[in-house]
Amino acid sequence: MIRSAREGIPDDAVNLHASVVVLDAGAVMIRGRTGAGKTHLALALIDEWQRKGRFARLLADDQVFVMRRDGRLTARTPHATAGLAEIRGVGIVEVPHEPAAQVDLVVDLVEQDAPDTPLSTVRIEAVDLPLLTLRHRDAAASCVSVARALATIRAVPGGQNGEIMLASDNDLGLPSRRGRTT
């Protein structure tokens, strides 16, 4: 039986070319041109989070439906590709997945060096989201940058239900930035 990608998806949902990974209680949307390493980064983030005993699952690979709900951007898995990831040089593999999550961060993978500003903002479906621009094809460094960006974002008052969520580099298992000049 052939399944429609829009099966069960609300009419107001928009299809985007992006991969989405759920890390802890929120999601990271990874955008970039074909071959930029979206899936590679998504799977590297899942591996890193799970290695540290934290929750991580793929939500969508390469295509995702998004919609605004209660002032937040919600990502939904297309049914036709639910639980599937296409790994360059390997093919399509089955992976555990989550059907939906609220997006906390957008990552743009670019060819040139990333800008000096650690975070900027992007508007998707009338929702302003933190945007992290990273050089493509550098998953190890990108995992560290994403973890730090999420720690910063989730430490801001007024998150979900107004709570303050704090996470230090040490909580994330990251190398200390103390004494670093870069």
C-alpha atoms as a PDB file:
ATOM      1  CA  MET A   1       0.000   0.000   0.000  1.00  0.00           C
ATOM      2  CA  ILE A   2       1.405   3.387  -1.002  1.00  0.00           C
ATOM      3  CA  ARG A   3       1.098   6.017   1.706  1.00  0.00           C
ATOM      4  CA  SER A   4       0.661   9.704   0.999  1.00  0.00           C
ATOM      5  CA  ALA A   5       3.248  12.026   2.543  1.00  0.00           C
ATOM      6  CA  ARG A   6       0.382  14.311   3.653  1.00  0.00           C
ATOM      7  CA  GLU A   7      -1.648  11.542   5.291  1.00  0.00           C
ATOM      8  CA  GLY A   8      -2.793  12.839   8.684  1.00  0.00           C
ATOM      9  CA  ILE A   9      -1.023  16.194   8.198  1.00  0.00           C
ATOM     10  CA  PRO A  10      -3.102  19.360   8.822  1.00  0.00           C
ATOM     11  CA  ASP A  11      -4.077  21.353   5.721  1.00  0.00           C
ATOM     12  CA  ASP A  12      -2.163  24.437   6.892  1.00  0.00           C
ATOM     13  CA  ALA A  13       1.148  22.544   7.171  1.00  0.00           C
ATOM     14  CA  VAL A  14       3.945  23.587   4.812  1.00  0.00           C
ATOM     15  CA  ASN A  15       6.496  21.126   3.415  1.00  0.00           C
ATOM     16  CA  LEU A  16      10.140  22.206   3.866  1.00  0.00           C
ATOM     17  CA  HIS A  17      13.428  20.743   2.636  1.00  0.00           C
ATOM     18  CA  ALA A  18      15.062  20.054   6.011  1.00  0.00           C
ATOM     19  CA  SER A  19      15.916  17.316   8.478  1.00  0.00           C
ATOM     20  CA  VAL A  20      14.641  17.516  12.053  1.00  0.00           C
ATOM     21  CA  VAL A  21      15.976  15.797  15.149  1.00  0.00           C
ATOM     22  CA  VAL A  22      14.373  15.744  18.606  1.00  0.00           C
ATOM     23  CA  LEU A  23      16.907  16.397  21.383  1.00  0.00           C
ATOM     24  CA  ASP A  24      15.515  16.176  24.905  1.00  0.00           C
ATOM     25  CA  ALA A  25      12.151  17.994  24.883  1.00  0.00           C
ATOM     26  CA  GLY A  26      12.529  20.077  21.704  1.00  0.00           C
ATOM     27  CA  ALA A  27      13.617  19.823  18.093  1.00  0.00           C
ATOM     28  CA  VAL A  28      16.406  21.145  15.899  1.00  0.00           C
ATOM     29  CA  MET A  29      15.661  21.802  12.227  1.00  0.00           C
ATOM     30  CA  ILE A  30      18.689  21.351   9.961  1.00  0.00           C
ATOM     31  CA  ARG A  31      18.590  23.096   6.576  1.00  0.00           C
ATOM     32  CA  GLY A  32      21.073  23.113   3.714  1.00  0.00           C
ATOM     33  CA  ARG A  33      21.505  22.292   0.070  1.00  0.00           C
ATOM     34  CA  THR A  34      21.408  18.697  -1.136  1.00  0.00           C
ATOM     35  CA  GLY A  35      24.598  16.967   0.004  1.00  0.00           C
ATOM     36  CA  ALA A  36      25.372  19.532   2.733  1.00  0.00           C
ATOM     37  CA  GLY A  37      25.258  16.880   5.457  1.00  0.00           C
ATOM     38  CA  LYS A  38      21.822  17.396   7.018  1.00  0.00           C
ATOM     39  CA  THR A  39      21.280  13.695   7.679  1.00  0.00           C
ATOM     40  CA  HIS A  40      24.887  13.205   8.768  1.00  0.00           C
ATOM     41  CA  LEU A  41      24.566  15.987  11.358  1.00  0.00           C
ATOM     42  CA  ALA A  42      21.145  14.735  12.520  1.00  0.00           C
ATOM     43  CA  LEU A  43      22.483  11.220  13.113  1.00  0.00           C
ATOM     44  CA  ALA A  44      25.657  12.569  14.770  1.00  0.00           C
ATOM     45  CA  LEU A  45      23.523  14.645  17.169  1.00  0.00           C
ATOM     46  CA  ILE A  46      21.368  11.618  17.989  1.00  0.00           C
ATOM     47  CA  ASP A  47      24.468   9.520  18.656  1.00  0.00           C
ATOM     48  CA  GLU A  48      26.039  12.230  20.840  1.00  0.00           C
ATOM     49  CA  TRP A  49      22.877  12.775  22.901  1.00  0.00           C
ATOM     50  CA  GLN A  50      22.201   9.062  23.375  1.00  0.00           C
ATOM     51  CA  ARG A  51      25.829   8.396  24.306  1.00  0.00           C
ATOM     52  CA  LYS A  52      25.291  10.803  27.193  1.00  0.00           C
ATOM     53  CA  GLY A  53      22.070   9.057  28.251  1.00  0.00           C
ATOM     54  CA  ARG A  54      19.805  11.785  26.882  1.00  0.00           C
ATOM     55  CA  PHE A  55      16.698  11.478  24.702  1.00  0.00           C
ATOM     56  CA  ALA A  56      17.260  11.836  20.951  1.00  0.00           C
ATOM     57  CA  ARG A  57      15.312  10.654  17.907  1.00  0.00           C
ATOM     58  CA  LEU A  58      15.008  11.520  14.249  1.00  0.00           C
ATOM     59  CA  LEU A  59      11.775  13.303  13.401  1.00  0.00           C
ATOM     60  CA  ALA A  60      12.231  13.719   9.643  1.00  0.00           C
ATOM     61  CA  ASP A  61      14.942  13.307   7.037  1.00  0.00           C
ATOM     62  CA  ASP A  62      15.120  15.717   4.112  1.00  0.00           C
ATOM     63  CA  GLN A  63      11.409  16.668   4.095  1.00  0.00           C
ATOM     64  CA  VAL A  64       9.302  17.892   7.003  1.00  0.00           C
ATOM     65  CA  PHE A  65       5.896  19.479   7.479  1.00  0.00           C
ATOM     66  CA  VAL A  66       5.743  22.554   9.709  1.00  0.00           C
ATOM     67  CA  MET A  67       2.900  24.628  11.079  1.00  0.00           C
ATOM     68  CA  ARG A  68       2.395  27.353  13.666  1.00  0.00           C
ATOM     69  CA  ARG A  69       0.660  26.157  16.823  1.00  0.00           C
ATOM     70  CA  ASP A  70       0.188  28.311  19.938  1.00  0.00           C
ATOM     71  CA  GLY A  71       2.913  30.709  18.785  1.00  0.00           C
ATOM     72  CA  ARG A  72       5.484  27.921  18.294  1.00  0.00           C
ATOM     73  CA  LEU A  73       6.662  26.069  15.202  1.00  0.00           C
ATOM     74  CA  THR A  74       5.607  22.425  15.206  1.00  0.00           C
ATOM     75  CA  ALA A  75       7.371  19.926  12.943  1.00  0.00           C
ATOM     76  CA  ARG A  76       5.608  16.751  11.747  1.00  0.00           C
ATOM     77  CA  THR A  77       6.993  13.679  10.021  1.00  0.00           C
ATOM     78  CA  PRO A  78       5.715  12.949   6.510  1.00  0.00           C
ATOM     79  CA  HIS A  79       4.042   9.531   6.821  1.00  0.00           C
ATOM     80  CA  ALA A  80       5.627   8.202   3.628  1.00  0.00           C
ATOM     81  CA  THR A  81       9.139   8.617   5.082  1.00  0.00           C
ATOM     82  CA  ALA A  82       8.479   8.121   8.805  1.00  0.00           C
ATOM     83  CA  GLY A  83      11.355   6.249  10.426  1.00  0.00           C
ATOM     84  CA  LEU A  84      13.551   6.376   7.327  1.00  0.00           C
ATOM     85  CA  ALA A  85      16.874   8.139   6.767  1.00  0.00           C
ATOM     86  CA  GLU A  86      18.904   8.227   3.573  1.00  0.00           C
ATOM     87  CA  ILE A  87      22.605   7.915   4.327  1.00  0.00           C
ATOM     88  CA  ARG A  88      24.876   8.974   1.487  1.00  0.00           C
ATOM     89  CA  GLY A  89      26.787   5.970   0.166  1.00  0.00           C
ATOM     90  CA  VAL A  90      24.703   3.508   2.222  1.00  0.00           C
ATOM     91  CA  GLY A  91      21.099   4.008   1.142  1.00  0.00           C
ATOM     92  CA  ILE A  92      17.829   4.165   3.037  1.00  0.00           C
ATOM     93  CA  VAL A  93      17.868   2.787   6.578  1.00  0.00           C
ATOM     94  CA  GLU A  94      15.201   2.448   9.256  1.00  0.00           C
ATOM     95  CA  VAL A  95      15.700   4.498  12.423  1.00  0.00           C
ATOM     96  CA  PRO A  96      13.586   5.125  15.532  1.00  0.00           C
ATOM     97  CA  HIS A  97      11.622   8.345  15.111  1.00  0.00           C
ATOM     98  CA  GLU A  98       9.248  10.783  16.764  1.00  0.00           C
ATOM     99  CA  PRO A  99       6.149  11.908  14.850  1.00  0.00           C
ATOM    100  CA  ALA A 100       6.078  15.564  15.990  1.00  0.00           C
ATOM    101  CA  ALA A 101       7.875  18.137  18.142  1.00  0.00           C
ATOM    102  CA  GLN A 102       8.195  21.867  18.680  1.00  0.00           C
ATOM    103  CA  VAL A 103      11.239  23.421  17.011  1.00  0.00           C
ATOM    104  CA  ASP A 104      13.661  25.232  19.353  1.00  0.00           C
ATOM    105  CA  LEU A 105      16.522  25.939  16.933  1.00  0.00           C
ATOM    106  CA  VAL A 106      17.184  26.151  13.198  1.00  0.00           C
ATOM    107  CA  VAL A 107      20.634  25.230  11.871  1.00  0.00           C
ATOM    108  CA  ASP A 108      21.700  26.354   8.400  1.00  0.00           C
ATOM    109  CA  LEU A 109      24.594  24.391   6.893  1.00  0.00           C
ATOM    110  CA  VAL A 110      26.584  26.635   4.549  1.00  0.00           C
ATOM    111  CA  GLU A 111      29.673  26.209   2.370  1.00  0.00           C
ATOM    112  CA  GLN A 112      31.498  29.320   3.521  1.00  0.00           C
ATOM    113  CA  ASP A 113      32.753  30.016   7.028  1.00  0.00           C
ATOM    114  CA  ALA A 114      29.987  30.647   9.525  1.00  0.00           C
ATOM    115  CA  PRO A 115      29.373  34.256  10.610  1.00  0.00           C
ATOM    116  CA  ASP A 116      30.915  35.613  13.813  1.00  0.00           C
ATOM    117  CA  THR A 117      27.519  36.078  15.431  1.00  0.00           C
ATOM    118  CA  PRO A 118      26.732  32.888  17.278  1.00  0.00           C
ATOM    119  CA  LEU A 119      22.950  33.149  16.920  1.00  0.00           C
ATOM    120  CA  SER A 120      20.650  35.204  14.752  1.00  0.00           C
ATOM    121  CA  THR A 121      16.923  34.871  14.034  1.00  0.00           C
ATOM    122  CA  VAL A 122      14.892  33.365  11.217  1.00  0.00           C
ATOM    123  CA  ARG A 123      11.131  33.607  10.662  1.00  0.00           C
ATOM    124  CA  ILE A 124       9.328  30.447   9.561  1.00  0.00           C
ATOM    125  CA  GLU A 125       5.530  30.401   9.311  1.00  0.00           C
ATOM    126  CA  ALA A 126       5.309  33.658  11.334  1.00  0.00           C
ATOM    127  CA  VAL A 127       7.413  32.205  14.175  1.00  0.00           C
ATOM    128  CA  ASP A 128      10.770  33.779  15.033  1.00  0.00           C
ATOM    129  CA  LEU A 129      13.350  31.114  15.853  1.00  0.00           C
ATOM    130  CA  PRO A 130      17.018  31.175  16.855  1.00  0.00           C
ATOM    131  CA  LEU A 131      19.245  30.479  13.833  1.00  0.00           C
ATOM    132  CA  LEU A 132      22.697  28.934  14.049  1.00  0.00           C
ATOM    133  CA  THR A 133      24.761  29.045  10.845  1.00  0.00           C
ATOM    134  CA  LEU A 134      27.454  26.369  10.597  1.00  0.00           C
ATOM    135  CA  ARG A 135      29.954  25.240   8.008  1.00  0.00           C
ATOM    136  CA  HIS A 136      28.671  22.107   6.288  1.00  0.00           C
ATOM    137  CA  ARG A 137      30.386  18.730   6.568  1.00  0.00           C
ATOM    138  CA  ASP A 138      31.888  19.319  10.044  1.00  0.00           C
ATOM    139  CA  ALA A 139      29.594  17.210  12.228  1.00  0.00           C
ATOM    140  CA  ALA A 140      31.872  16.995  15.290  1.00  0.00           C
ATOM    141  CA  ALA A 141      32.260  20.763  15.640  1.00  0.00           C
ATOM    142  CA  SER A 142      28.608  21.261  14.713  1.00  0.00           C
ATOM    143  CA  CYS A 143      27.450  18.933  17.523  1.00  0.00           C
ATOM    144  CA  VAL A 144      29.310  21.084  20.050  1.00  0.00           C
ATOM    145  CA  SER A 145      27.894  24.299  18.550  1.00  0.00           C
ATOM    146  CA  VAL A 146      24.333  22.946  18.561  1.00  0.00           C
ATOM    147  CA  ALA A 147      24.641  21.769  22.183  1.00  0.00           C
ATOM    148  CA  ARG A 148      25.913  25.189  23.268  1.00  0.00           C
ATOM    149  CA  ALA A 149      23.208  27.005  21.301  1.00  0.00           C
ATOM    150  CA  LEU A 150      20.480  24.847  22.861  1.00  0.00           C
ATOM    151  CA  ALA A 151      21.922  25.435  26.338  1.00  0.00           C
ATOM    152  CA  THR A 152      21.795  29.191  25.684  1.00  0.00           C
ATOM    153  CA  ILE A 153      18.283  29.128  24.209  1.00  0.00           C
ATOM    154  CA  ARG A 154      16.863  26.923  26.928  1.00  0.00           C
ATOM    155  CA  ALA A 155      18.394  29.131  29.649  1.00  0.00           C
ATOM    156  CA  VAL A 156      16.298  32.124  28.584  1.00  0.00           C
ATOM    157  CA  PRO A 157      13.357  32.977  30.890  1.00  0.00           C
ATOM    158  CA  GLY A 158       9.946  32.607  29.327  1.00  0.00           C
ATOM    159  CA  GLY A 159      10.479  29.231  27.711  1.00  0.00           C
ATOM    160  CA  GLN A 160       7.670  26.738  27.761  1.00  0.00           C
ATOM    161  CA  ASN A 161       5.378  27.567  30.693  1.00  0.00           C
ATOM    162  CA  GLY A 162       7.756  30.411  31.676  1.00  0.00           C
ATOM    163  CA  GLU A 163      10.328  28.166  33.344  1.00  0.00           C
ATOM    164  CA  ILE A 164      14.059  28.781  33.178  1.00  0.00           C
ATOM    165  CA  MET A 165      16.071  25.853  31.910  1.00  0.00           C
ATOM    166  CA  LEU A 166      19.802  25.925  32.552  1.00  0.00           C
ATOM    167  CA  ALA A 167      22.436  23.609  31.175  1.00  0.00           C
ATOM    168  CA  SER A 168      26.156  24.150  31.518  1.00  0.00           C
ATOM    169  CA  ASP A 169      28.791  22.803  29.137  1.00  0.00           C
ATOM    170  CA  ASN A 170      29.611  20.268  31.836  1.00  0.00           C
ATOM    171  CA  ASP A 171      25.955  19.086  31.943  1.00  0.00           C
ATOM    172  CA  LEU A 172      26.174  18.557  28.190  1.00  0.00           C
ATOM    173  CA  GLY A 173      29.496  16.711  28.446  1.00  0.00           C
ATOM    174  CA  LEU A 174      31.263  19.361  26.386  1.00  0.00           C
ATOM    175  CA  PRO A 175      34.869  20.471  26.715  1.00  0.00           C
ATOM    176  CA  SER A 176      35.244  23.483  28.985  1.00  0.00           C
ATOM    177  CA  ARG A 177      35.546  26.891  27.353  1.00  0.00           C
ATOM    178  CA  ARG A 178      37.449  28.272  30.332  1.00  0.00           C
ATOM    179  CA  GLY A 179      40.901  29.468  29.375  1.00  0.00           C
ATOM    180  CA  ARG A 180      40.140  29.309  25.659  1.00  0.00           C
ATOM    181  CA  THR A 181      40.865  32.293  23.491  1.00  0.00           C
ATOM    182  CA  THR A 182      38.672  31.256  20.577  1.00  0.00           C
END
